[in-house]
Amino acid sequence: MTATALDFDRCYSAVSTRDPRFDGQFVVAVRSTRIYCRPSCPARTPKPVNCTFYPTSAAAHVAGYRACRRCLPEAVPGSPAWNLREDVAARAMRLIGAGVVDRDGVAGLATRLGYSERQLGRILTSQLGAGPLALARAQRAQTARQLLVSTAMPASDVAFAAGFHSIRQFNDTVAEVFAMTPSQLRGRARRSEHAQGTADGPAPGTITLRLQAREPFRGSDIIAWLAARAIDGLEHAEAGAFSRAVRLSTGAARFTASPAADHVHVTATLAHLADLPELLAMLRRLFDLDADPAAVDAALASDPRLASAVATAPGSRIPGTVDPTEMLARAILGQQVSVTSARTAVQRLVDALGEPLPSSLATDEVRVAFPSAVAIASHAAEVVRGPATRTRALSDAMSAVASGELVLDAGRTLAETTSALEAIPGIGPWTSHYVALRVLTHPDILLTGDSAVRAGARTLGIPSEPRGLAEYAERHRPWRSYVMIHLWRAAALSGTSKET
């Protein structure tokens, strides 16, 4: 189901059966009540004549509808369409979710997408039913609702953390979207979701909340993946939780993420609360929270050679990244070496060039942020060991990032990302596509030359030579990245994994 042409019969079928798989993929607006709901809303199913389906909540807002108080449509994961699609609308939604409009305005969003503001407005209104300002406003409303229900932050702090520029703007938006004041929304939503706030209030700059995921959700696998690559001082993994420092637009932050069956529990301390939308978008991408696991698993399980792997690990996700620049550095240092060797090389880089966190953020385990692109470009030759070609590739890549010549973010297409990376001497298809997999959380990448992928294919009785594997995997578009996750797991379980 695309966001540009919603099929009425299919949407109404989802609503009439209260199918939760479609929550977040569209909303149903009911003309008789002037409210919009998620497809699984437990209220009585409206008559077809009263239903209008919108691809985004922002489109429903523009049409004059308010959010349902019973099903809380803003409390669901985002649409998986934005990761599947690479058109302008999808890339815009990814950037809006990361807070680009809040920080840089519509002009900044348009520039990053290569369109004029007028062109971009026309495209988004045509395909999503709302322009960039309305879409950003809906995103702020969603973040505000999340903070009101999950934290004890004062409403004024919630307003600015959600991206609003004034308390009045915050109050007006909450009243218009939810038909409640912030305090009413907080009380009602908490009762509905059985959420708990912090009785005494959080420490300054600290929030605790939940990021929802569609079930099934194997968040523990992401933690294990991150733990195997954790860098001392930068990251810490323990007892099903992962902590690390990140650099955001206006300051640093530290977070701890703990996955559960249908969500990730997050505690974060930020130097500037206005960076919160950016951090939440990073975490959603890190854990691939907007994926549609039911659709992925159903497609892959139809293949007898993958059925057992899917049954063993339903809800597998693509491990993303919170720092595209860091991901690029790690990928270059990990070329043709083991996980252990790559981790040693990255540790050396962080030990030498990592940026100490301010005392308000630092802990015994998390003390530094990953080195900046400028620092790595300037000192790679002094710090990095190994082949000179690899060191030059790292230095050149970081110079390109620092100068703005190379842009790595969720607003890029797969082709744009890989071609820009491969233009740098020393970066080939494996590195470019591995970076794209982790930065874009792209659902349709298969590294046919990866030794662990090929080992996993042999374990599962799948053709393991690059050409044969590529031909086999064609049947699994657009989910080849998830095929690869299962192949990596099969290789690890068989003891043949050398994946970096």
Protein backbone atom coordinates (compact mmCIF):
# COMPACT_ATOMS: atom_id res chain seq x y z
CA MET A 1 0.00 0.00 0.00
CA THR A 2 1.56 3.28 -1.05
CA ALA A 3 1.06 6.64 0.56
CA THR A 4 0.14 8.30 -2.72
CA ALA A 5 -2.83 6.15 -3.73
CA LEU A 6 -4.58 4.54 -0.80
CA ASP A 7 -6.92 1.77 -1.86
CA PHE A 8 -10.29 2.44 -0.22
CA ASP A 9 -11.43 -1.17 -0.05
CA ARG A 10 -8.16 -2.40 1.40
CA CYS A 11 -8.04 0.41 3.94
CA TYR A 12 -11.64 -0.15 4.99
CA SER A 13 -10.99 -3.88 5.34
CA ALA A 14 -8.11 -3.10 7.70
CA VAL A 15 -10.34 -0.77 9.72
CA SER A 16 -13.28 -3.17 9.88
CA THR A 17 -11.03 -5.99 11.12
CA ARG A 18 -9.08 -3.62 13.42
CA ASP A 19 -5.84 -4.87 11.89
CA PRO A 20 -2.90 -3.43 13.91
CA ARG A 21 -0.45 -4.18 11.10
CA PHE A 22 -1.65 -1.04 9.34
CA ASP A 23 -1.30 1.29 12.33
CA GLY A 24 1.03 4.11 11.31
CA GLN A 25 0.58 3.41 7.59
CA PHE A 26 -2.56 5.51 7.25
CA VAL A 27 -5.30 7.07 9.36
CA VAL A 28 -9.05 6.91 8.92
CA ALA A 29 -10.98 10.18 9.28
CA VAL A 30 -14.66 9.92 10.19
CA ARG A 31 -16.83 12.72 8.82
CA SER A 32 -19.67 12.19 11.30
CA THR A 33 -17.41 12.73 14.34
CA ARG A 34 -14.62 14.86 12.79
CA ILE A 35 -11.95 12.66 14.38
CA TYR A 36 -9.25 10.47 12.87
CA CYS A 37 -8.15 7.09 14.20
CA ARG A 38 -5.58 4.40 13.71
CA PRO A 39 -6.92 1.35 11.78
CA SER A 40 -7.04 -0.80 14.93
CA CYS A 41 -9.18 1.65 16.93
CA PRO A 42 -11.51 -0.35 19.22
CA ALA A 43 -14.44 2.03 18.62
CA ARG A 44 -17.40 0.95 16.53
CA THR A 45 -16.45 0.67 12.86
CA PRO A 46 -17.72 3.73 10.96
CA LYS A 47 -19.85 3.37 7.87
CA PRO A 48 -17.90 3.44 4.60
CA VAL A 49 -19.71 6.59 3.48
CA ASN A 50 -18.29 8.45 6.49
CA CYS A 51 -14.65 7.35 5.98
CA THR A 52 -11.79 9.17 4.32
CA PHE A 53 -8.31 7.69 4.42
CA TYR A 54 -5.20 9.85 4.69
CA PRO A 55 -1.56 8.80 4.34
CA THR A 56 -0.47 11.07 7.21
CA SER A 57 -1.99 12.54 10.33
CA ALA A 58 -0.93 15.96 9.02
CA ALA A 59 -3.28 15.54 6.08
CA ALA A 60 -6.11 14.82 8.53
CA HIS A 61 -5.18 17.93 10.54
CA VAL A 62 -5.28 20.07 7.38
CA ALA A 63 -8.71 18.66 6.56
CA GLY A 64 -10.00 19.73 9.99
CA TYR A 65 -9.96 16.46 11.94
CA ARG A 66 -8.63 15.90 15.45
CA ALA A 67 -6.95 12.83 16.91
CA CYS A 68 -9.06 10.14 18.56
CA ARG A 69 -8.76 10.19 22.36
CA ARG A 70 -9.43 6.48 22.58
CA CYS A 71 -6.91 4.93 20.18
CA LEU A 72 -4.27 7.70 20.28
CA PRO A 73 -3.17 7.45 16.62
CA GLU A 74 -0.02 9.49 17.34
CA ALA A 75 1.28 6.72 19.63
CA VAL A 76 2.15 4.21 16.89
CA PRO A 77 5.40 3.59 14.97
CA GLY A 78 5.90 5.51 11.74
CA SER A 79 5.04 4.23 8.30
CA PRO A 80 7.47 1.64 6.84
CA ALA A 81 6.81 3.25 3.45
CA TRP A 82 9.36 5.98 4.12
CA ASN A 83 12.17 3.40 4.24
CA LEU A 84 10.84 1.43 1.28
CA ARG A 85 10.38 4.42 -1.00
CA GLU A 86 13.07 6.73 -2.35
CA ASP A 87 10.93 9.42 -3.94
CA VAL A 88 11.00 13.04 -2.80
CA ALA A 89 8.04 12.64 -0.44
CA ALA A 90 9.58 9.69 1.39
CA ARG A 91 12.97 11.37 1.74
CA ALA A 92 11.27 14.53 2.96
CA MET A 93 9.39 12.57 5.62
CA ARG A 94 12.62 11.02 6.87
CA LEU A 95 14.25 14.44 7.15
CA ILE A 96 11.20 16.05 8.75
CA GLY A 97 11.17 13.24 11.31
CA ALA A 98 14.79 14.09 12.12
CA GLY A 99 13.84 17.70 12.88
CA VAL A 100 15.29 19.37 9.77
CA VAL A 101 12.36 21.79 9.37
CA ASP A 102 12.56 22.73 13.06
CA ARG A 103 16.26 23.55 12.73
CA ASP A 104 16.61 24.82 9.15
CA GLY A 105 13.08 25.72 8.08
CA VAL A 106 11.35 24.69 4.86
CA ALA A 107 14.13 26.41 2.89
CA GLY A 108 16.70 24.10 4.49
CA LEU A 109 14.60 21.02 3.75
CA ALA A 110 14.11 22.06 0.14
CA THR A 111 17.82 22.71 -0.34
CA ARG A 112 18.77 19.30 1.00
CA LEU A 113 16.33 17.65 -1.39
CA GLY A 114 17.36 19.77 -4.38
CA TYR A 115 14.00 21.47 -4.96
CA SER A 116 12.58 24.95 -4.58
CA GLU A 117 10.25 25.54 -1.64
CA ARG A 118 7.30 25.92 -4.01
CA GLN A 119 8.08 22.70 -5.88
CA LEU A 120 8.52 20.78 -2.65
CA GLY A 121 5.25 22.12 -1.25
CA ARG A 122 3.37 21.03 -4.36
CA ILE A 123 4.89 17.54 -4.30
CA LEU A 124 4.19 16.91 -0.62
CA THR A 125 0.66 18.31 -0.75
CA SER A 126 -0.12 16.19 -3.81
CA GLN A 127 1.31 12.95 -2.41
CA LEU A 128 0.85 13.28 1.35
CA GLY A 129 -2.06 15.68 1.66
CA ALA A 130 -0.08 18.34 3.54
CA GLY A 131 2.84 20.68 2.99
CA PRO A 132 6.17 20.60 4.83
CA LEU A 133 5.10 22.99 7.60
CA ALA A 134 1.99 20.95 8.36
CA LEU A 135 3.97 17.70 8.30
CA ALA A 136 6.56 19.16 10.67
CA ARG A 137 3.80 20.45 12.93
CA ALA A 138 2.29 16.96 13.09
CA GLN A 139 5.71 15.56 13.97
CA ARG A 140 6.05 18.09 16.80
CA ALA A 141 2.59 17.17 18.07
CA GLN A 142 3.56 13.50 18.10
CA THR A 143 6.77 14.20 20.02
CA ALA A 144 4.91 16.43 22.48
CA ARG A 145 2.31 13.74 23.14
CA GLN A 146 5.08 11.22 23.71
CA LEU A 147 6.80 13.46 26.24
CA LEU A 148 3.59 14.40 28.03
CA VAL A 149 2.59 10.79 28.57
CA SER A 150 6.05 9.33 29.24
CA THR A 151 7.76 11.96 31.35
CA ALA A 152 7.10 14.37 34.19
CA MET A 153 8.75 17.26 32.33
CA PRO A 154 7.04 20.62 32.82
CA ALA A 155 4.85 21.50 29.87
CA SER A 156 7.09 24.44 29.01
CA ASP A 157 10.09 22.11 28.66
CA VAL A 158 8.00 19.69 26.61
CA ALA A 159 7.13 22.50 24.21
CA PHE A 160 10.72 23.36 23.36
CA ALA A 161 11.96 19.76 23.45
CA ALA A 162 9.30 18.84 20.88
CA GLY A 163 10.48 21.59 18.54
CA PHE A 164 7.91 24.31 19.15
CA HIS A 165 9.19 27.87 19.13
CA SER A 166 6.77 29.22 21.74
CA ILE A 167 4.46 28.04 24.51
CA ARG A 168 1.49 29.55 22.68
CA GLN A 169 2.29 27.61 19.52
CA PHE A 170 2.56 24.43 21.61
CA ASN A 171 -0.75 25.00 23.41
CA ASP A 172 -2.58 25.90 20.21
CA THR A 173 -1.29 22.81 18.37
CA VAL A 174 -2.13 20.41 21.20
CA ALA A 175 -5.62 21.90 21.48
CA GLU A 176 -6.22 21.69 17.73
CA VAL A 177 -4.83 18.19 17.19
CA PHE A 178 -6.05 16.50 20.38
CA ALA A 179 -8.92 18.79 21.49
CA MET A 180 -7.36 18.86 24.96
CA THR A 181 -4.96 20.97 26.96
CA PRO A 182 -1.49 19.52 27.55
CA SER A 183 -2.39 18.60 31.14
CA GLN A 184 -5.59 16.88 30.02
CA LEU A 185 -3.71 14.98 27.33
CA ARG A 186 -1.09 13.89 29.83
CA GLY A 187 -3.64 12.55 32.29
CA ARG A 188 -5.85 10.80 29.76
CA ALA A 189 -3.02 9.24 27.77
CA ARG A 190 -1.29 7.96 30.88
CA ARG A 191 -4.46 6.26 32.04
CA SER A 192 -4.96 4.76 28.60
CA GLU A 193 -1.38 3.53 28.13
CA HIS A 194 -0.71 2.70 31.80
CA ALA A 195 2.43 4.80 31.55
CA GLN A 196 4.41 5.95 34.51
CA GLY A 197 6.06 9.34 34.88
CA THR A 198 8.87 10.19 37.25
CA ALA A 199 7.19 11.30 40.45
CA ASP A 200 9.86 13.77 41.46
CA GLY A 201 10.65 14.92 37.92
CA PRO A 202 13.75 14.11 35.91
CA ALA A 203 17.17 15.59 36.39
CA PRO A 204 17.77 18.69 34.26
CA GLY A 205 18.09 17.73 30.62
CA THR A 206 17.12 14.09 31.27
CA ILE A 207 14.10 12.31 29.82
CA THR A 208 12.76 8.78 30.04
CA LEU A 209 10.28 7.50 27.46
CA ARG A 210 9.25 4.59 25.24
CA LEU A 211 9.66 4.26 21.49
CA GLN A 212 7.03 1.93 20.10
CA ALA A 213 7.81 -0.93 17.72
CA ARG A 214 5.62 -3.24 15.68
CA GLU A 215 5.64 -6.79 16.95
CA PRO A 216 7.41 -9.14 16.71
CA PHE A 217 10.51 -7.18 17.66
CA ARG A 218 13.94 -8.72 18.26
CA GLY A 219 15.53 -5.68 19.82
CA SER A 220 17.83 -7.89 21.86
CA ASP A 221 19.59 -8.90 18.63
CA ILE A 222 20.40 -5.24 17.93
CA ILE A 223 21.87 -4.92 21.43
CA ALA A 224 24.00 -8.04 20.85
CA TRP A 225 25.19 -6.65 17.51
CA LEU A 226 26.15 -3.34 19.10
CA ALA A 227 27.78 -5.03 22.09
CA ALA A 228 30.10 -7.04 19.83
CA ARG A 229 31.36 -3.77 18.33
CA ALA A 230 31.22 -1.52 21.40
CA ILE A 231 34.14 0.88 21.90
CA ASP A 232 35.33 1.53 25.46
CA GLY A 233 34.65 5.08 26.58
CA LEU A 234 32.17 5.69 23.76
CA GLU A 235 29.72 2.84 24.33
CA HIS A 236 28.72 0.36 27.00
CA ALA A 237 26.51 -2.72 26.72
CA GLU A 238 25.30 -4.60 29.77
CA ALA A 239 22.25 -6.65 30.82
CA GLY A 240 20.22 -6.02 27.69
CA ALA A 241 20.91 -2.29 27.61
CA PHE A 242 23.14 -0.16 25.41
CA SER A 243 24.56 3.24 26.38
CA ARG A 244 26.62 5.70 24.39
CA ALA A 245 27.36 9.31 23.61
CA VAL A 246 26.18 11.06 20.45
CA ARG A 247 26.84 14.42 18.88
CA LEU A 248 23.67 16.33 17.90
CA SER A 249 23.04 19.61 16.10
CA THR A 250 23.53 21.92 19.06
CA GLY A 251 25.30 19.74 21.62
CA ALA A 252 26.16 16.30 22.88
CA ALA A 253 23.87 13.74 24.51
CA ARG A 254 24.07 10.39 26.26
CA PHE A 255 21.39 7.71 26.09
CA THR A 256 20.67 4.24 27.39
CA ALA A 257 18.33 2.05 25.33
CA SER A 258 16.69 -1.15 26.61
CA PRO A 259 14.46 -3.11 24.18
CA ALA A 260 11.27 -4.86 25.29
CA ALA A 261 8.65 -6.88 23.41
CA ASP A 262 6.98 -3.93 21.68
CA HIS A 263 9.12 -0.91 22.48
CA VAL A 264 12.53 0.46 23.40
CA HIS A 265 12.84 2.10 26.79
CA VAL A 266 15.09 5.15 26.51
CA THR A 267 16.72 7.36 29.11
CA ALA A 268 18.60 10.29 27.62
CA THR A 269 20.48 13.27 28.95
CA LEU A 270 20.89 16.12 26.48
CA ALA A 271 22.93 19.28 26.59
CA HIS A 272 20.04 20.96 24.74
CA LEU A 273 16.48 19.59 24.89
CA ALA A 274 15.77 21.09 21.46
CA ASP A 275 17.90 18.26 20.02
CA LEU A 276 15.41 15.65 21.23
CA PRO A 277 13.54 15.09 17.91
CA GLU A 278 16.88 14.48 16.20
CA LEU A 279 17.90 11.96 18.86
CA LEU A 280 14.57 10.12 18.71
CA ALA A 281 14.85 9.82 14.93
CA MET A 282 18.37 8.41 15.36
CA LEU A 283 17.13 5.82 17.83
CA ARG A 284 14.20 4.80 15.64
CA ARG A 285 16.66 4.20 12.81
CA LEU A 286 19.20 2.46 15.08
CA PHE A 287 16.58 -0.15 16.04
CA ASP A 288 14.69 -0.11 12.69
CA LEU A 289 11.51 0.63 14.65
CA ASP A 290 9.34 1.64 11.71
CA ALA A 291 9.80 -1.68 9.90
CA ASP A 292 6.83 -3.91 9.05
CA PRO A 293 8.01 -7.28 10.46
CA ALA A 294 4.78 -9.10 9.62
CA ALA A 295 5.13 -8.27 5.93
CA VAL A 296 8.86 -9.06 5.89
CA ASP A 297 8.52 -12.36 7.73
CA ALA A 298 5.57 -13.50 5.63
CA ALA A 299 7.47 -12.81 2.42
CA LEU A 300 10.68 -14.54 3.51
CA ALA A 301 8.99 -17.49 5.21
CA SER A 302 7.32 -18.42 1.90
CA ASP A 303 10.78 -19.60 0.80
CA PRO A 304 11.40 -23.12 2.22
CA ARG A 305 15.13 -22.38 2.54
CA LEU A 306 14.45 -19.37 4.78
CA ALA A 307 11.34 -20.56 6.61
CA SER A 308 13.20 -22.15 9.51
CA ALA A 309 15.47 -19.13 9.97
CA VAL A 310 12.48 -16.78 10.04
CA ALA A 311 10.59 -19.01 12.49
CA THR A 312 13.63 -19.04 14.78
CA ALA A 313 14.12 -15.27 14.69
CA PRO A 314 10.82 -13.52 13.83
CA GLY A 315 10.85 -9.74 13.82
CA SER A 316 14.55 -9.40 12.96
CA ARG A 317 15.65 -5.82 12.30
CA ILE A 318 18.42 -4.04 10.43
CA PRO A 319 20.94 -2.50 12.86
CA GLY A 320 21.19 1.18 11.99
CA THR A 321 23.53 3.87 13.29
CA VAL A 322 23.30 7.09 15.29
CA ASP A 323 26.23 8.71 13.47
CA PRO A 324 26.66 8.36 9.69
CA THR A 325 30.18 9.80 9.79
CA GLU A 326 31.19 7.28 12.42
CA MET A 327 29.60 4.49 10.40
CA LEU A 328 31.69 5.43 7.38
CA ALA A 329 34.90 5.46 9.43
CA ARG A 330 34.06 2.08 10.97
CA ALA A 331 33.27 0.57 7.56
CA ILE A 332 36.56 1.73 6.06
CA LEU A 333 38.55 0.45 9.04
CA GLY A 334 36.62 -2.82 8.84
CA GLN A 335 37.42 -3.57 5.20
CA GLN A 336 38.51 -7.20 4.80
CA VAL A 337 39.20 -7.75 8.50
CA SER A 338 37.39 -9.49 11.36
CA VAL A 339 35.03 -7.83 13.80
CA THR A 340 37.73 -8.02 16.48
CA SER A 341 40.37 -6.39 14.28
CA ALA A 342 37.98 -3.66 13.18
CA ARG A 343 37.01 -2.97 16.76
CA THR A 344 40.68 -2.64 17.74
CA ALA A 345 41.29 -0.13 14.95
CA VAL A 346 38.25 1.96 15.91
CA GLN A 347 39.25 1.82 19.59
CA ARG A 348 42.66 3.24 18.71
CA LEU A 349 41.00 6.07 16.79
CA VAL A 350 38.63 6.93 19.65
CA ASP A 351 41.37 6.73 22.28
CA ALA A 352 43.50 9.17 20.33
CA LEU A 353 40.93 11.59 18.95
CA GLY A 354 37.67 11.17 20.90
CA GLU A 355 36.13 14.36 22.28
CA PRO A 356 35.66 14.33 26.08
CA LEU A 357 32.06 14.77 27.20
CA PRO A 358 31.13 17.61 29.55
CA SER A 359 30.93 16.51 33.17
CA SER A 360 27.12 16.78 33.10
CA LEU A 361 26.99 13.98 30.52
CA ALA A 362 30.01 11.80 31.28
CA THR A 363 29.84 8.57 33.28
CA ASP A 364 32.49 6.01 34.17
CA GLU A 365 31.54 3.94 31.11
CA VAL A 366 30.65 6.68 28.60
CA ARG A 367 33.23 9.46 28.58
CA VAL A 368 33.83 10.60 24.99
CA ALA A 369 32.06 11.34 21.72
CA PHE A 370 33.30 9.87 18.47
CA PRO A 371 36.02 12.00 16.81
CA SER A 372 34.87 14.65 14.37
CA ALA A 373 35.46 14.31 10.65
CA VAL A 374 37.91 17.23 10.84
CA ALA A 375 39.97 15.53 13.55
CA ILE A 376 40.13 12.22 11.70
CA ALA A 377 41.02 13.86 8.39
CA SER A 378 43.84 15.79 10.06
CA HIS A 379 45.31 12.95 12.13
CA ALA A 380 44.40 9.66 10.43
CA ALA A 381 47.94 9.14 9.15
CA GLU A 382 49.27 9.45 12.72
CA VAL A 383 46.74 7.14 14.37
CA VAL A 384 45.61 4.50 11.88
CA ARG A 385 47.68 1.39 11.26
CA GLY A 386 47.48 -0.98 8.34
CA PRO A 387 47.53 -0.53 4.56
CA ALA A 388 48.32 3.01 3.41
CA THR A 389 45.45 2.85 0.91
CA ARG A 390 42.99 2.34 3.75
CA THR A 391 44.38 5.27 5.70
CA ARG A 392 44.18 7.52 2.64
CA ALA A 393 40.61 6.40 1.98
CA LEU A 394 39.66 7.25 5.56
CA SER A 395 41.37 10.65 5.42
CA ASP A 396 39.84 11.51 2.03
CA ALA A 397 36.38 10.41 3.13
CA MET A 398 36.51 12.44 6.33
CA SER A 399 37.80 15.48 4.42
CA ALA A 400 34.83 15.17 2.06
CA VAL A 401 32.40 14.98 5.01
CA ALA A 402 34.03 17.94 6.77
CA SER A 403 33.88 20.13 3.64
CA GLY A 404 30.25 19.23 2.91
CA GLU A 405 31.19 17.58 -0.38
CA LEU A 406 29.95 14.23 0.96
CA VAL A 407 26.55 14.22 2.66
CA LEU A 408 25.34 11.10 4.45
CA ASP A 409 21.81 11.30 5.81
CA ALA A 410 18.37 9.76 5.54
CA GLY A 411 17.38 12.21 2.82
CA ARG A 412 19.65 10.53 0.25
CA THR A 413 18.74 7.73 -2.12
CA LEU A 414 20.68 4.48 -2.22
CA ALA A 415 22.16 5.36 -5.61
CA GLU A 416 23.21 8.84 -4.47
CA THR A 417 24.83 7.45 -1.36
CA THR A 418 26.77 4.62 -2.98
CA SER A 419 27.92 6.63 -6.01
CA ALA A 420 29.19 9.48 -3.81
CA LEU A 421 31.09 7.03 -1.62
CA GLU A 422 32.58 5.06 -4.50
CA ALA A 423 33.92 8.28 -6.03
CA ILE A 424 36.45 8.28 -3.17
CA PRO A 425 39.54 6.18 -4.01
CA GLY A 426 39.74 3.11 -1.78
CA ILE A 427 35.99 2.77 -1.26
CA GLY A 428 34.36 0.00 -3.26
CA PRO A 429 30.86 -1.52 -3.53
CA TRP A 430 31.09 -3.54 -0.29
CA THR A 431 31.91 -0.47 1.81
CA SER A 432 29.47 1.86 0.07
CA HIS A 433 26.56 -0.56 0.35
CA TYR A 434 27.39 -1.53 3.93
CA VAL A 435 27.36 2.17 4.90
CA ALA A 436 24.07 2.66 3.03
CA LEU A 437 22.57 -0.35 4.82
CA ARG A 438 23.38 1.09 8.23
CA VAL A 439 22.82 4.81 7.53
CA LEU A 440 19.60 4.50 5.51
CA THR A 441 18.34 1.30 7.19
CA HIS A 442 17.69 0.38 3.57
CA PRO A 443 15.51 -2.75 3.26
CA ASP A 444 16.86 -4.01 -0.07
CA ILE A 445 20.65 -4.42 0.05
CA LEU A 446 22.52 -7.70 -0.31
CA LEU A 447 26.31 -7.85 -0.01
CA THR A 448 26.89 -10.85 -2.26
CA GLY A 449 30.66 -10.64 -1.86
CA ASP A 450 30.58 -10.62 1.95
CA SER A 451 32.23 -13.77 3.30
CA ALA A 452 29.77 -14.19 6.17
CA VAL A 453 26.77 -13.70 3.88
CA ARG A 454 28.10 -16.42 1.61
CA ALA A 455 28.84 -18.70 4.57
CA GLY A 456 25.29 -18.24 5.84
CA ALA A 457 23.92 -19.01 2.39
CA ARG A 458 25.86 -22.29 2.31
CA THR A 459 24.52 -23.17 5.75
CA LEU A 460 20.93 -22.67 4.58
CA GLY A 461 21.39 -24.47 1.25
CA ILE A 462 21.23 -21.26 -0.80
CA PRO A 463 23.61 -20.57 -3.73
CA SER A 464 26.67 -18.94 -2.18
CA GLU A 465 28.67 -17.66 -5.15
CA PRO A 466 28.00 -13.94 -5.75
CA ARG A 467 26.19 -14.39 -9.07
CA GLY A 468 24.07 -17.31 -7.94
CA LEU A 469 23.22 -15.61 -4.65
CA ALA A 470 22.21 -12.42 -6.44
CA GLU A 471 19.95 -14.34 -8.82
CA TYR A 472 18.39 -16.29 -5.96
CA ALA A 473 17.70 -13.14 -3.93
CA GLU A 474 15.83 -11.38 -6.73
CA ARG A 475 12.65 -13.15 -5.58
CA HIS A 476 12.94 -11.42 -2.22
CA ARG A 477 12.94 -7.80 -3.35
CA PRO A 478 12.37 -5.39 -1.61
CA TRP A 479 13.46 -7.28 1.52
CA ARG A 480 16.98 -8.46 0.63
CA SER A 481 18.53 -6.66 3.62
CA TYR A 482 16.44 -8.84 5.91
CA VAL A 483 17.52 -11.91 3.96
CA MET A 484 21.09 -10.82 4.70
CA ILE A 485 20.35 -10.47 8.41
CA HIS A 486 19.22 -14.10 8.45
CA LEU A 487 22.29 -15.19 6.47
CA TRP A 488 24.60 -13.39 8.90
CA ARG A 489 22.83 -15.07 11.81
CA ALA A 490 23.10 -18.50 10.16
CA ALA A 491 26.83 -17.98 9.65
CA ALA A 492 27.30 -16.91 13.28
CA LEU A 493 25.37 -19.92 14.59
CA SER A 494 27.40 -22.28 12.43
CA GLY A 495 30.68 -20.73 13.60
CA THR A 496 31.72 -19.61 10.12
CA SER A 497 31.10 -15.86 10.47
CA LYS A 498 33.86 -13.41 9.60
CA GLU A 499 31.49 -10.51 8.98
CA THR A 500 32.78 -7.05 9.88
